[in-house]
Amino acid sequence: MDGDRAPDFITVEGDDLSKGLPTGVRIIWNPGEAKARDPAAWQNAGRIPGTENAHYLYAECHDVNGDGDLDLLANVEEHYHRGPDGKDVFSFSVVWFKNPVK
């Protein structure tokens, strides 16, 4: 993700919001091959701003806009509304996070 050719980790935290558990999309930077076995060398960049309070299910990296760097696509389930039968209706969306490296 950051262009150093070391594979970084993207995690989706889509736990049930009703349980009060944190949600969002998080990036963990790989320190490179020389330090990859040192857990303290990995850098947790935290949640991507704006991804809190949603139920993320899946994420993949792709060069969506063809600029040569990896962007992030994440699938999110959102509570849409309560239907006429009293059941919750949900929508599913794909969210594109453009890589700010370039």
Protein backbone atom coordinates (compact mmCIF):
# COMPACT_ATOMS: atom_id res chain seq x y z
CA MET A 1 0.00 0.00 0.00
CA ASP A 2 2.80 2.44 0.81
CA GLY A 3 4.93 1.60 -2.24
CA ASP A 4 7.82 -0.11 -0.45
CA ARG A 5 6.95 -3.56 -1.93
CA ALA A 6 6.51 -5.07 1.55
CA PRO A 7 2.97 -6.48 1.85
CA ASP A 8 0.96 -4.46 4.34
CA PHE A 9 -2.16 -5.72 6.13
CA ILE A 10 -5.67 -4.37 5.83
CA THR A 11 -8.15 -5.51 8.46
CA VAL A 12 -11.88 -5.04 8.49
CA GLU A 13 -13.49 -4.74 11.87
CA GLY A 14 -17.11 -5.52 11.19
CA ASP A 15 -18.21 -6.72 14.58
CA ASP A 16 -21.81 -6.34 15.54
CA LEU A 17 -22.38 -2.70 16.43
CA SER A 18 -25.12 -3.67 18.88
CA LYS A 19 -22.44 -5.30 21.03
CA GLY A 20 -20.61 -1.99 21.29
CA LEU A 21 -17.49 -3.37 19.63
CA PRO A 22 -15.27 -1.08 17.54
CA THR A 23 -15.60 -1.24 13.78
CA GLY A 24 -13.76 0.20 10.82
CA VAL A 25 -10.97 -0.48 8.36
CA ARG A 26 -7.42 -0.55 9.72
CA ILE A 27 -4.00 -0.55 8.03
CA ILE A 28 -0.95 -2.21 9.56
CA TRP A 29 2.33 -1.28 7.86
CA ASN A 30 4.92 -3.97 7.17
CA PRO A 31 8.39 -2.90 8.39
CA GLY A 32 10.14 -4.75 5.56
CA GLU A 33 11.81 -8.12 5.30
CA ALA A 34 14.65 -7.36 7.72
CA LYS A 35 12.26 -6.57 10.60
CA ALA A 36 9.17 -8.58 9.62
CA ARG A 37 9.67 -11.12 12.44
CA ASP A 38 9.75 -8.39 15.09
CA PRO A 39 6.15 -7.74 16.24
CA ALA A 40 7.15 -4.36 17.66
CA ALA A 41 8.34 -3.17 14.23
CA TRP A 42 4.90 -3.42 12.63
CA GLN A 43 3.10 -0.07 12.71
CA ASN A 44 -0.61 0.07 13.38
CA ALA A 45 -1.83 3.12 11.44
CA GLY A 46 -5.21 2.90 13.13
CA ARG A 47 -8.60 3.07 11.52
CA ILE A 48 -9.09 4.94 8.28
CA PRO A 49 -11.00 8.10 9.25
CA GLY A 50 -14.69 7.86 8.48
CA THR A 51 -14.85 4.07 8.65
CA GLU A 52 -16.05 3.91 12.24
CA ASN A 53 -19.56 2.71 13.10
CA ALA A 54 -20.16 0.57 10.03
CA HIS A 55 -20.18 -3.19 9.55
CA TYR A 56 -17.28 -3.93 7.19
CA LEU A 57 -17.22 -7.43 5.79
CA TYR A 58 -14.40 -7.70 3.26
CA ALA A 59 -11.55 -5.67 1.75
CA GLU A 60 -9.23 -6.01 -1.23
CA CYS A 61 -6.48 -3.91 -2.74
CA HIS A 62 -6.58 -3.00 -6.44
CA ASP A 63 -5.30 -0.16 -8.60
CA VAL A 64 -8.82 1.16 -9.20
CA ASN A 65 -7.90 4.38 -11.01
CA GLY A 66 -4.85 3.10 -12.95
CA ASP A 67 -2.34 5.46 -11.32
CA GLY A 68 0.09 2.66 -10.43
CA ASP A 69 -0.58 2.41 -6.69
CA LEU A 70 -2.92 0.15 -4.77
CA ASP A 71 -6.25 1.53 -3.62
CA LEU A 72 -8.57 -0.15 -1.15
CA LEU A 73 -12.05 -1.50 -1.82
CA ALA A 74 -14.17 -2.50 1.17
CA ASN A 75 -17.63 -4.02 1.38
CA VAL A 76 -19.84 -2.49 4.05
CA GLU A 77 -23.26 -3.43 5.38
CA GLU A 78 -25.33 -0.44 6.43
CA HIS A 79 -28.60 -0.34 8.31
CA TYR A 80 -30.98 1.16 5.82
CA HIS A 81 -34.38 1.33 7.51
CA ARG A 82 -37.06 -0.67 9.26
CA GLY A 83 -39.38 -2.31 6.75
CA PRO A 84 -43.19 -2.37 6.90
CA ASP A 85 -43.00 -5.84 8.43
CA GLY A 86 -40.95 -4.44 11.32
CA LYS A 87 -37.74 -6.13 10.16
CA ASP A 88 -34.52 -4.23 9.56
CA VAL A 89 -33.57 -3.68 5.94
CA PHE A 90 -29.87 -3.44 5.12
CA SER A 91 -27.94 -2.18 2.13
CA PHE A 92 -24.55 -3.38 1.00
CA SER A 93 -22.07 -1.00 -0.58
CA VAL A 94 -18.56 -1.09 -1.95
CA VAL A 95 -16.44 1.80 -0.71
CA TRP A 96 -13.32 2.96 -2.57
CA PHE A 97 -10.46 4.46 -0.56
CA LYS A 98 -7.99 6.12 -2.94
CA ASN A 99 -4.39 5.62 -1.93
CA PRO A 100 -2.98 9.03 -0.93
CA VAL A 101 0.66 7.97 -1.53
CA LYS A 102 0.73 9.54 -5.02
